[in-house]
């Protein structure tokens, strides 16, 4: 998102955790182009102060704990960091910077055990994890404050969005890093869980373009940002390994202990509203996304 905004001539202020100092991780190349503010998501007064000081034209609230299994270990902290932080930012905008346009990143996880697939903006939600419940609360709060207080606040219902910057704890990066490593002779196999799990994967850059478009409209609203097509983990692996001339099934070991509870409804989004109103059309296909991640891993490993 920072790259997109800088390309459009924005002055960008980014929030980092105090414990990280000036470290930007995968965004280190932007260090000289953006301003940094050290604020913790759980520091609600700090969030309010940041909005009050900066009074931004546009605020993109993307930060949240994102590894769903961790939310079961720390549900109170997860809820505070997601729903509490969203509430603090919206309250600060309402009280001190009402002209600010706000984008809040919701998640497809909030649909949970929805009764239908694909899911749309109005699909009833049945969240099945503390993370999903917190994201639903944040999403609902955006709509409530928008209606009551007239803020230009939008919730983007984001499905899985990937890039070469995805940490290796996530299955997509685990797969592409393994395919690259095996091709280069650095490892022999990769261990995965449920190969039949379905996800709606998009390129993160395309999703951020959708977020930006949401704040350029004349009226605020909520939108599903997704590819509209579901793929299994097995399909992701097949494409990644095939790109380096290997057969995925020859190198994947399945460990049943890594399986999560099977999902009753495939989480696949219907982006029709975003396409019709925003003119949003993802530029990177599923196959191109996998290849992009794989090529980055080959390069990182010396291939």
C-alpha atoms as a PDB file:
ATOM      1  CA  UNK A   1       0.000   0.000   0.000  1.00  0.00           C
ATOM      2  CA  UNK A   2       2.813   2.416   0.821  1.00  0.00           C
ATOM      3  CA  UNK A   3       4.363   1.842  -2.613  1.00  0.00           C
ATOM      4  CA  UNK A   4       1.037   2.485  -4.330  1.00  0.00           C
ATOM      5  CA  UNK A   5       0.520   5.731  -2.433  1.00  0.00           C
ATOM      6  CA  UNK A   6       4.051   6.955  -3.039  1.00  0.00           C
ATOM      7  CA  UNK A   7       3.658   6.316  -6.768  1.00  0.00           C
ATOM      8  CA  UNK A   8       0.608   8.593  -6.676  1.00  0.00           C
ATOM      9  CA  UNK A   9       2.475  11.418  -4.971  1.00  0.00           C
ATOM     10  CA  UNK A  10       1.175  10.937  -1.429  1.00  0.00           C
ATOM     11  CA  UNK A  11       3.106  11.870   1.674  1.00  0.00           C
ATOM     12  CA  UNK A  12       3.004   8.618   3.641  1.00  0.00           C
ATOM     13  CA  UNK A  13       3.219   8.083   7.384  1.00  0.00           C
ATOM     14  CA  UNK A  14       3.492   4.471   8.523  1.00  0.00           C
ATOM     15  CA  UNK A  15       2.967   2.962  11.945  1.00  0.00           C
ATOM     16  CA  UNK A  16       5.526   0.525  13.367  1.00  0.00           C
ATOM     17  CA  UNK A  17       5.634  -1.351  16.647  1.00  0.00           C
ATOM     18  CA  UNK A  18       7.909   0.300  19.240  1.00  0.00           C
ATOM     19  CA  UNK A  19       9.683  -3.008  19.850  1.00  0.00           C
ATOM     20  CA  UNK A  20      10.731  -3.101  16.185  1.00  0.00           C
ATOM     21  CA  UNK A  21      12.465   0.277  16.268  1.00  0.00           C
ATOM     22  CA  UNK A  22      12.961   1.552  12.748  1.00  0.00           C
ATOM     23  CA  UNK A  23      12.867  -1.916  11.202  1.00  0.00           C
ATOM     24  CA  UNK A  24      10.487  -2.181   8.266  1.00  0.00           C
ATOM     25  CA  UNK A  25      11.153  -5.797   7.385  1.00  0.00           C
ATOM     26  CA  UNK A  26      10.200  -6.448   3.767  1.00  0.00           C
ATOM     27  CA  UNK A  27       9.458  -2.740   3.308  1.00  0.00           C
ATOM     28  CA  UNK A  28      12.981  -1.648   4.282  1.00  0.00           C
ATOM     29  CA  UNK A  29      13.517  -0.202   0.814  1.00  0.00           C
ATOM     30  CA  UNK A  30      10.905   2.464   1.641  1.00  0.00           C
ATOM     31  CA  UNK A  31      12.665   3.732   4.764  1.00  0.00           C
ATOM     32  CA  UNK A  32      13.812   6.973   3.142  1.00  0.00           C
ATOM     33  CA  UNK A  33      10.449   7.633   1.489  1.00  0.00           C
ATOM     34  CA  UNK A  34       8.019   7.467   4.405  1.00  0.00           C
ATOM     35  CA  UNK A  35       7.696   8.873   7.910  1.00  0.00           C
ATOM     36  CA  UNK A  36       7.469   6.433  10.803  1.00  0.00           C
ATOM     37  CA  UNK A  37       5.471   6.603  14.027  1.00  0.00           C
ATOM     38  CA  UNK A  38       6.107   4.017  16.750  1.00  0.00           C
ATOM     39  CA  UNK A  39       2.728   3.045  18.208  1.00  0.00           C
ATOM     40  CA  UNK A  40       1.491  -0.292  19.535  1.00  0.00           C
ATOM     41  CA  UNK A  41      -1.919  -1.556  18.376  1.00  0.00           C
ATOM     42  CA  UNK A  42      -2.897  -2.173  21.995  1.00  0.00           C
ATOM     43  CA  UNK A  43      -2.045   1.443  22.920  1.00  0.00           C
ATOM     44  CA  UNK A  44      -5.435   3.000  22.222  1.00  0.00           C
ATOM     45  CA  UNK A  45      -4.382   6.433  23.497  1.00  0.00           C
ATOM     46  CA  UNK A  46      -1.331   6.273  21.256  1.00  0.00           C
ATOM     47  CA  UNK A  47      -3.489   5.472  18.222  1.00  0.00           C
ATOM     48  CA  UNK A  48      -5.761   8.365  19.005  1.00  0.00           C
ATOM     49  CA  UNK A  49      -2.792  10.686  19.401  1.00  0.00           C
ATOM     50  CA  UNK A  50      -1.342   9.599  16.064  1.00  0.00           C
ATOM     51  CA  UNK A  51      -4.565  10.477  14.225  1.00  0.00           C
ATOM     52  CA  UNK A  52      -4.882  13.770  16.092  1.00  0.00           C
ATOM     53  CA  UNK A  53      -1.335  14.816  15.202  1.00  0.00           C
ATOM     54  CA  UNK A  54      -1.310  13.730  11.569  1.00  0.00           C
ATOM     55  CA  UNK A  55      -4.930  14.418  10.563  1.00  0.00           C
ATOM     56  CA  UNK A  56      -4.502  12.323   7.402  1.00  0.00           C
ATOM     57  CA  UNK A  57      -6.548  12.743   4.238  1.00  0.00           C
ATOM     58  CA  UNK A  58      -6.758   8.949   3.968  1.00  0.00           C
ATOM     59  CA  UNK A  59      -6.183   6.359   6.671  1.00  0.00           C
ATOM     60  CA  UNK A  60      -5.568   2.713   5.744  1.00  0.00           C
ATOM     61  CA  UNK A  61      -5.927   0.476   8.786  1.00  0.00           C
ATOM     62  CA  UNK A  62      -4.286  -2.779   7.704  1.00  0.00           C
ATOM     63  CA  UNK A  63      -2.492  -3.824  10.890  1.00  0.00           C
ATOM     64  CA  UNK A  64      -3.671  -6.836  12.884  1.00  0.00           C
ATOM     65  CA  UNK A  65      -2.444 -10.171  14.209  1.00  0.00           C
ATOM     66  CA  UNK A  66      -2.850 -12.280  11.074  1.00  0.00           C
ATOM     67  CA  UNK A  67      -1.905 -15.850  12.011  1.00  0.00           C
ATOM     68  CA  UNK A  68      -5.293 -17.322  12.902  1.00  0.00           C
ATOM     69  CA  UNK A  69      -4.111 -20.241  15.122  1.00  0.00           C
ATOM     70  CA  UNK A  70      -2.435 -17.752  17.483  1.00  0.00           C
ATOM     71  CA  UNK A  71      -5.808 -16.153  18.201  1.00  0.00           C
ATOM     72  CA  UNK A  72      -6.869 -19.256  20.130  1.00  0.00           C
ATOM     73  CA  UNK A  73      -3.885 -18.865  22.451  1.00  0.00           C
ATOM     74  CA  UNK A  74      -4.457 -15.128  23.052  1.00  0.00           C
ATOM     75  CA  UNK A  75      -8.136 -14.354  22.336  1.00  0.00           C
ATOM     76  CA  UNK A  76      -8.320 -11.267  24.587  1.00  0.00           C
ATOM     77  CA  UNK A  77      -5.222  -9.718  23.069  1.00  0.00           C
ATOM     78  CA  UNK A  78      -6.405 -10.597  19.559  1.00  0.00           C
ATOM     79  CA  UNK A  79      -9.774  -8.945  20.099  1.00  0.00           C
ATOM     80  CA  UNK A  80      -8.193  -5.825  21.594  1.00  0.00           C
ATOM     81  CA  UNK A  81      -5.646  -5.509  18.789  1.00  0.00           C
ATOM     82  CA  UNK A  82      -8.253  -5.906  16.039  1.00  0.00           C
ATOM     83  CA  UNK A  83     -11.601  -4.598  17.278  1.00  0.00           C
ATOM     84  CA  UNK A  84     -10.177  -2.298  19.957  1.00  0.00           C
ATOM     85  CA  UNK A  85      -7.660  -0.669  17.627  1.00  0.00           C
ATOM     86  CA  UNK A  86     -10.319  -0.148  14.962  1.00  0.00           C
ATOM     87  CA  UNK A  87     -12.613   1.477  17.517  1.00  0.00           C
ATOM     88  CA  UNK A  88      -9.823   3.777  18.723  1.00  0.00           C
ATOM     89  CA  UNK A  89      -8.946   4.916  15.208  1.00  0.00           C
ATOM     90  CA  UNK A  90     -12.574   5.525  14.199  1.00  0.00           C
ATOM     91  CA  UNK A  91     -13.255   7.403  17.432  1.00  0.00           C
ATOM     92  CA  UNK A  92     -10.193   9.600  16.877  1.00  0.00           C
ATOM     93  CA  UNK A  93     -11.242  10.395  13.305  1.00  0.00           C
ATOM     94  CA  UNK A  94     -14.773  11.215  14.441  1.00  0.00           C
ATOM     95  CA  UNK A  95     -13.587  13.488  17.242  1.00  0.00           C
ATOM     96  CA  UNK A  96     -10.562  15.217  15.683  1.00  0.00           C
ATOM     97  CA  UNK A  97     -10.330  14.661  11.914  1.00  0.00           C
ATOM     98  CA  UNK A  98     -13.775  14.156  10.398  1.00  0.00           C
ATOM     99  CA  UNK A  99     -12.576  14.835   6.845  1.00  0.00           C
ATOM    100  CA  UNK A 100     -10.303  11.797   6.944  1.00  0.00           C
ATOM    101  CA  UNK A 101     -11.407   8.904   4.727  1.00  0.00           C
ATOM    102  CA  UNK A 102     -10.875   5.558   6.446  1.00  0.00           C
ATOM    103  CA  UNK A 103     -10.274   2.078   5.050  1.00  0.00           C
ATOM    104  CA  UNK A 104     -10.415  -0.851   7.484  1.00  0.00           C
ATOM    105  CA  UNK A 105      -9.259  -4.314   6.458  1.00  0.00           C
ATOM    106  CA  UNK A 106     -11.870  -6.911   7.360  1.00  0.00           C
ATOM    107  CA  UNK A 107     -11.393 -10.588   6.524  1.00  0.00           C
ATOM    108  CA  UNK A 108     -13.164 -13.410   4.723  1.00  0.00           C
ATOM    109  CA  UNK A 109     -12.614 -15.407   7.923  1.00  0.00           C
ATOM    110  CA  UNK A 110     -15.607 -13.616   9.434  1.00  0.00           C
ATOM    111  CA  UNK A 111     -17.933 -15.575   7.131  1.00  0.00           C
ATOM    112  CA  UNK A 112     -16.761 -18.809   8.778  1.00  0.00           C
ATOM    113  CA  UNK A 113     -19.476 -21.439   8.450  1.00  0.00           C
ATOM    114  CA  UNK A 114     -21.552 -19.326   6.056  1.00  0.00           C
ATOM    115  CA  UNK A 115     -24.401 -21.165   4.396  1.00  0.00           C
ATOM    116  CA  UNK A 116     -23.382 -20.236   0.860  1.00  0.00           C
ATOM    117  CA  UNK A 117     -20.352 -19.851  -1.385  1.00  0.00           C
ATOM    118  CA  UNK A 118     -19.255 -17.547  -2.901  1.00  0.00           C
ATOM    119  CA  UNK A 119     -19.811 -14.939  -0.219  1.00  0.00           C
ATOM    120  CA  UNK A 120     -21.004 -11.407  -0.914  1.00  0.00           C
ATOM    121  CA  UNK A 121     -21.122  -8.237   1.162  1.00  0.00           C
ATOM    122  CA  UNK A 122     -24.478  -9.209   2.672  1.00  0.00           C
ATOM    123  CA  UNK A 123     -23.782 -12.900   3.330  1.00  0.00           C
ATOM    124  CA  UNK A 124     -24.564 -13.762   6.997  1.00  0.00           C
ATOM    125  CA  UNK A 125     -21.431 -14.373   9.047  1.00  0.00           C
ATOM    126  CA  UNK A 126     -20.704 -17.307  11.362  1.00  0.00           C
ATOM    127  CA  UNK A 127     -17.114 -16.756  12.561  1.00  0.00           C
ATOM    128  CA  UNK A 128     -15.291 -19.797  13.916  1.00  0.00           C
ATOM    129  CA  UNK A 129     -12.204 -18.352  15.621  1.00  0.00           C
ATOM    130  CA  UNK A 130     -11.386 -15.450  17.956  1.00  0.00           C
ATOM    131  CA  UNK A 131      -9.577 -13.795  15.030  1.00  0.00           C
ATOM    132  CA  UNK A 132     -12.684 -14.067  12.845  1.00  0.00           C
ATOM    133  CA  UNK A 133     -14.967 -12.771  15.600  1.00  0.00           C
ATOM    134  CA  UNK A 134     -12.695  -9.770  16.148  1.00  0.00           C
ATOM    135  CA  UNK A 135     -12.619  -9.004  12.421  1.00  0.00           C
ATOM    136  CA  UNK A 136     -16.418  -9.204  12.271  1.00  0.00           C
ATOM    137  CA  UNK A 137     -16.717  -6.808  15.220  1.00  0.00           C
ATOM    138  CA  UNK A 138     -14.385  -4.321  13.504  1.00  0.00           C
ATOM    139  CA  UNK A 139     -16.312  -4.664  10.240  1.00  0.00           C
ATOM    140  CA  UNK A 140     -19.645  -4.038  11.944  1.00  0.00           C
ATOM    141  CA  UNK A 141     -18.266  -1.063  13.850  1.00  0.00           C
ATOM    142  CA  UNK A 142     -17.226   0.599  10.573  1.00  0.00           C
ATOM    143  CA  UNK A 143     -20.799   0.401   9.308  1.00  0.00           C
ATOM    144  CA  UNK A 144     -22.322   1.547  12.593  1.00  0.00           C
ATOM    145  CA  UNK A 145     -20.134   4.650  12.915  1.00  0.00           C
ATOM    146  CA  UNK A 146     -20.533   5.446   9.209  1.00  0.00           C
ATOM    147  CA  UNK A 147     -24.314   5.419   9.547  1.00  0.00           C
ATOM    148  CA  UNK A 148     -24.514   7.189  12.903  1.00  0.00           C
ATOM    149  CA  UNK A 149     -21.746   9.774  12.579  1.00  0.00           C
ATOM    150  CA  UNK A 150     -21.481  10.230   8.823  1.00  0.00           C
ATOM    151  CA  UNK A 151     -17.808   9.284   8.529  1.00  0.00           C
ATOM    152  CA  UNK A 152     -16.355   8.268   5.184  1.00  0.00           C
ATOM    153  CA  UNK A 153     -15.401   4.828   6.477  1.00  0.00           C
ATOM    154  CA  UNK A 154     -15.164   1.672   4.369  1.00  0.00           C
ATOM    155  CA  UNK A 155     -14.571  -1.951   5.249  1.00  0.00           C
ATOM    156  CA  UNK A 156     -12.739  -4.069   2.701  1.00  0.00           C
ATOM    157  CA  UNK A 157     -13.633  -7.745   3.061  1.00  0.00           C
ATOM    158  CA  UNK A 158     -10.295  -9.188   2.025  1.00  0.00           C
ATOM    159  CA  UNK A 159      -9.751 -12.768   0.976  1.00  0.00           C
ATOM    160  CA  UNK A 160      -6.289 -14.351   0.995  1.00  0.00           C
ATOM    161  CA  UNK A 161      -3.849 -11.940  -0.625  1.00  0.00           C
ATOM    162  CA  UNK A 162      -0.295 -13.040  -1.242  1.00  0.00           C
ATOM    163  CA  UNK A 163       3.058 -11.848  -2.501  1.00  0.00           C
ATOM    164  CA  UNK A 164       6.727 -12.706  -2.232  1.00  0.00           C
ATOM    165  CA  UNK A 165       6.717 -10.827   1.098  1.00  0.00           C
ATOM    166  CA  UNK A 166       4.481 -13.377   2.799  1.00  0.00           C
ATOM    167  CA  UNK A 167       6.206 -14.883   5.908  1.00  0.00           C
ATOM    168  CA  UNK A 168       7.163 -18.547   5.668  1.00  0.00           C
ATOM    169  CA  UNK A 169       4.758 -19.574   8.441  1.00  0.00           C
ATOM    170  CA  UNK A 170       1.970 -19.327   5.826  1.00  0.00           C
ATOM    171  CA  UNK A 171       1.389 -22.313   3.567  1.00  0.00           C
ATOM    172  CA  UNK A 172       1.746 -20.439   0.273  1.00  0.00           C
ATOM    173  CA  UNK A 173       5.244 -19.174   1.042  1.00  0.00           C
ATOM    174  CA  UNK A 174       6.159 -22.502   2.612  1.00  0.00           C
ATOM    175  CA  UNK A 175       5.300 -24.189  -0.687  1.00  0.00           C
ATOM    176  CA  UNK A 176       7.139 -21.798  -3.007  1.00  0.00           C
ATOM    177  CA  UNK A 177      10.211 -21.720  -0.773  1.00  0.00           C
ATOM    178  CA  UNK A 178      10.218 -25.543  -0.665  1.00  0.00           C
ATOM    179  CA  UNK A 179       9.861 -25.868  -4.442  1.00  0.00           C
ATOM    180  CA  UNK A 180      12.781 -23.483  -4.957  1.00  0.00           C
ATOM    181  CA  UNK A 181      14.890 -25.181  -2.288  1.00  0.00           C
ATOM    182  CA  UNK A 182      14.280 -28.678  -3.654  1.00  0.00           C
ATOM    183  CA  UNK A 183      15.005 -27.558  -7.204  1.00  0.00           C
ATOM    184  CA  UNK A 184      18.340 -26.134  -6.044  1.00  0.00           C
ATOM    185  CA  UNK A 185      19.198 -29.303  -4.129  1.00  0.00           C
ATOM    186  CA  UNK A 186      18.992 -27.626  -0.740  1.00  0.00           C
ATOM    187  CA  UNK A 187      16.226 -29.858   0.642  1.00  0.00           C
ATOM    188  CA  UNK A 188      14.377 -33.051  -0.246  1.00  0.00           C
ATOM    189  CA  UNK A 189      10.750 -32.649   0.809  1.00  0.00           C
ATOM    190  CA  UNK A 190       8.118 -30.398   2.359  1.00  0.00           C
ATOM    191  CA  UNK A 191       5.552 -31.310   5.007  1.00  0.00           C
ATOM    192  CA  UNK A 192       2.010 -29.972   4.603  1.00  0.00           C
ATOM    193  CA  UNK A 193      -1.361 -30.515   6.227  1.00  0.00           C
ATOM    194  CA  UNK A 194      -4.685 -30.525   4.384  1.00  0.00           C
ATOM    195  CA  UNK A 195      -4.069 -30.454   0.636  1.00  0.00           C
ATOM    196  CA  UNK A 196      -7.807 -30.214  -0.062  1.00  0.00           C
ATOM    197  CA  UNK A 197      -8.302 -26.902   1.770  1.00  0.00           C
ATOM    198  CA  UNK A 198      -9.725 -24.253  -0.569  1.00  0.00           C
ATOM    199  CA  UNK A 199      -8.682 -20.602  -0.625  1.00  0.00           C
ATOM    200  CA  UNK A 200      -9.461 -17.611  -2.826  1.00  0.00           C
ATOM    201  CA  UNK A 201      -5.968 -16.232  -3.512  1.00  0.00           C
ATOM    202  CA  UNK A 202      -5.156 -12.835  -5.046  1.00  0.00           C
ATOM    203  CA  UNK A 203      -2.028 -10.719  -5.444  1.00  0.00           C
ATOM    204  CA  UNK A 204      -1.618  -8.313  -2.530  1.00  0.00           C
ATOM    205  CA  UNK A 205      -0.830  -5.402  -4.852  1.00  0.00           C
ATOM    206  CA  UNK A 206      -4.145  -5.856  -6.647  1.00  0.00           C
ATOM    207  CA  UNK A 207      -6.033  -5.928  -3.345  1.00  0.00           C
ATOM    208  CA  UNK A 208      -4.360  -2.716  -2.198  1.00  0.00           C
ATOM    209  CA  UNK A 209      -5.395  -1.101  -5.483  1.00  0.00           C
ATOM    210  CA  UNK A 210      -8.962  -2.055  -4.580  1.00  0.00           C
ATOM    211  CA  UNK A 211      -8.571  -0.518  -1.120  1.00  0.00           C
ATOM    212  CA  UNK A 212      -7.357   2.739  -2.664  1.00  0.00           C
ATOM    213  CA  UNK A 213     -10.252   2.799  -5.127  1.00  0.00           C
ATOM    214  CA  UNK A 214     -12.717   2.445  -2.254  1.00  0.00           C
ATOM    215  CA  UNK A 215     -11.556   5.754  -0.782  1.00  0.00           C
ATOM    216  CA  UNK A 216     -11.794   7.578  -4.129  1.00  0.00           C
ATOM    217  CA  UNK A 217     -15.566   7.110  -4.453  1.00  0.00           C
ATOM    218  CA  UNK A 218     -18.219   9.739  -3.841  1.00  0.00           C
ATOM    219  CA  UNK A 219     -19.912   7.584  -1.187  1.00  0.00           C
ATOM    220  CA  UNK A 220     -18.405   5.136   1.317  1.00  0.00           C
ATOM    221  CA  UNK A 221     -19.395   1.474   1.294  1.00  0.00           C
ATOM    222  CA  UNK A 222     -18.055  -2.004   2.030  1.00  0.00           C
ATOM    223  CA  UNK A 223     -16.689  -4.288  -0.687  1.00  0.00           C
ATOM    224  CA  UNK A 224     -15.506  -7.855  -1.126  1.00  0.00           C
ATOM    225  CA  UNK A 225     -12.026  -7.882  -2.684  1.00  0.00           C
ATOM    226  CA  UNK A 226     -11.330 -11.364  -4.024  1.00  0.00           C
ATOM    227  CA  UNK A 227     -10.514 -13.234  -7.216  1.00  0.00           C
ATOM    228  CA  UNK A 228     -13.837 -15.066  -7.182  1.00  0.00           C
ATOM    229  CA  UNK A 229     -12.127 -18.419  -7.820  1.00  0.00           C
ATOM    230  CA  UNK A 230     -11.193 -21.022  -5.234  1.00  0.00           C
ATOM    231  CA  UNK A 231      -8.073 -23.198  -5.477  1.00  0.00           C
ATOM    232  CA  UNK A 232      -6.873 -26.034  -3.265  1.00  0.00           C
ATOM    233  CA  UNK A 233      -3.518 -26.144  -1.513  1.00  0.00           C
ATOM    234  CA  UNK A 234      -2.701 -29.085  -3.794  1.00  0.00           C
ATOM    235  CA  UNK A 235      -3.308 -26.928  -6.877  1.00  0.00           C
ATOM    236  CA  UNK A 236      -1.030 -24.220  -5.498  1.00  0.00           C
ATOM    237  CA  UNK A 237       1.707 -26.792  -4.926  1.00  0.00           C
ATOM    238  CA  UNK A 238       1.277 -28.401  -8.345  1.00  0.00           C
ATOM    239  CA  UNK A 239       1.744 -25.060 -10.118  1.00  0.00           C
ATOM    240  CA  UNK A 240       4.744 -24.094  -7.986  1.00  0.00           C
ATOM    241  CA  UNK A 241       6.594 -27.376  -8.472  1.00  0.00           C
ATOM    242  CA  UNK A 242       5.691 -27.619 -12.161  1.00  0.00           C
ATOM    243  CA  UNK A 243       7.247 -24.197 -12.707  1.00  0.00           C
ATOM    244  CA  UNK A 244      10.639 -25.685 -11.784  1.00  0.00           C
ATOM    245  CA  UNK A 245      10.071 -28.921 -13.677  1.00  0.00           C
ATOM    246  CA  UNK A 246       9.112 -31.080 -10.704  1.00  0.00           C
ATOM    247  CA  UNK A 247       6.047 -33.100  -9.698  1.00  0.00           C
ATOM    248  CA  UNK A 248       4.655 -31.882  -6.387  1.00  0.00           C
ATOM    249  CA  UNK A 249       3.451 -35.333  -5.311  1.00  0.00           C
ATOM    250  CA  UNK A 250       7.026 -36.634  -5.386  1.00  0.00           C
ATOM    251  CA  UNK A 251       8.155 -34.199  -2.691  1.00  0.00           C
ATOM    252  CA  UNK A 252       5.158 -33.508  -0.441  1.00  0.00           C
ATOM    253  CA  UNK A 253       4.706 -35.385   2.819  1.00  0.00           C
ATOM    254  CA  UNK A 254       1.293 -35.007   4.477  1.00  0.00           C
ATOM    255  CA  UNK A 255       1.196 -34.731   8.273  1.00  0.00           C
ATOM    256  CA  UNK A 256      -2.338 -35.135   9.604  1.00  0.00           C
ATOM    257  CA  UNK A 257      -1.427 -33.316  12.834  1.00  0.00           C
ATOM    258  CA  UNK A 258      -1.090 -30.105  10.820  1.00  0.00           C
ATOM    259  CA  UNK A 259      -4.685 -30.274   9.625  1.00  0.00           C
ATOM    260  CA  UNK A 260      -7.161 -27.715  10.948  1.00  0.00           C
ATOM    261  CA  UNK A 261     -10.845 -28.385  11.387  1.00  0.00           C
ATOM    262  CA  UNK A 262     -12.342 -28.841   7.901  1.00  0.00           C
ATOM    263  CA  UNK A 263     -14.328 -25.842   6.692  1.00  0.00           C
ATOM    264  CA  UNK A 264     -17.976 -26.488   6.041  1.00  0.00           C
ATOM    265  CA  UNK A 265     -18.178 -23.782   3.385  1.00  0.00           C
ATOM    266  CA  UNK A 266     -15.399 -22.854   0.936  1.00  0.00           C
ATOM    267  CA  UNK A 267     -14.300 -19.268   1.524  1.00  0.00           C
ATOM    268  CA  UNK A 268     -14.553 -17.877  -1.990  1.00  0.00           C
ATOM    269  CA  UNK A 269     -15.542 -14.255  -2.558  1.00  0.00           C
ATOM    270  CA  UNK A 270     -17.866 -12.666  -5.085  1.00  0.00           C
ATOM    271  CA  UNK A 271     -16.207  -9.389  -6.178  1.00  0.00           C
ATOM    272  CA  UNK A 272     -19.083  -8.349  -8.473  1.00  0.00           C
ATOM    273  CA  UNK A 273     -19.861  -5.157  -6.552  1.00  0.00           C
ATOM    274  CA  UNK A 274     -16.220  -4.006  -6.583  1.00  0.00           C
ATOM    275  CA  UNK A 275     -15.992  -4.694 -10.304  1.00  0.00           C
ATOM    276  CA  UNK A 276     -19.221  -2.835 -11.090  1.00  0.00           C
ATOM    277  CA  UNK A 277     -18.760   0.218  -8.850  1.00  0.00           C
ATOM    278  CA  UNK A 278     -15.001   0.565  -8.526  1.00  0.00           C
ATOM    279  CA  UNK A 279     -13.956  -0.783 -11.898  1.00  0.00           C
ATOM    280  CA  UNK A 280     -11.617  -3.093  -9.980  1.00  0.00           C
ATOM    281  CA  UNK A 281     -10.105  -5.937 -11.961  1.00  0.00           C
ATOM    282  CA  UNK A 282      -7.063  -7.816 -10.592  1.00  0.00           C
ATOM    283  CA  UNK A 283      -4.102  -7.677 -12.979  1.00  0.00           C
ATOM    284  CA  UNK A 284      -2.195 -10.723 -11.667  1.00  0.00           C
ATOM    285  CA  UNK A 285      -3.666 -14.195 -12.269  1.00  0.00           C
ATOM    286  CA  UNK A 286      -3.412 -17.087  -9.827  1.00  0.00           C
ATOM    287  CA  UNK A 287      -0.727 -18.763 -11.932  1.00  0.00           C
ATOM    288  CA  UNK A 288       1.241 -15.521 -12.225  1.00  0.00           C
ATOM    289  CA  UNK A 289       1.019 -15.015  -8.463  1.00  0.00           C
ATOM    290  CA  UNK A 290       2.472 -18.459  -7.735  1.00  0.00           C
ATOM    291  CA  UNK A 291       5.248 -17.927 -10.265  1.00  0.00           C
ATOM    292  CA  UNK A 292       6.046 -14.480  -8.868  1.00  0.00           C
ATOM    293  CA  UNK A 293       6.485 -15.929  -5.377  1.00  0.00           C
ATOM    294  CA  UNK A 294       8.526 -18.862  -6.680  1.00  0.00           C
ATOM    295  CA  UNK A 295      10.896 -16.693  -8.697  1.00  0.00           C
ATOM    296  CA  UNK A 296      11.530 -14.507  -5.633  1.00  0.00           C
ATOM    297  CA  UNK A 297      12.406 -17.586  -3.594  1.00  0.00           C
ATOM    298  CA  UNK A 298      14.717 -18.934  -6.298  1.00  0.00           C
ATOM    299  CA  UNK A 299      16.503 -15.605  -6.361  1.00  0.00           C
ATOM    300  CA  UNK A 300      16.743 -15.427  -2.565  1.00  0.00           C
ATOM    301  CA  UNK A 301      18.236 -18.925  -2.430  1.00  0.00           C
ATOM    302  CA  UNK A 302      20.772 -18.197  -5.120  1.00  0.00           C
ATOM    303  CA  UNK A 303      19.033 -19.833  -8.069  1.00  0.00           C
END
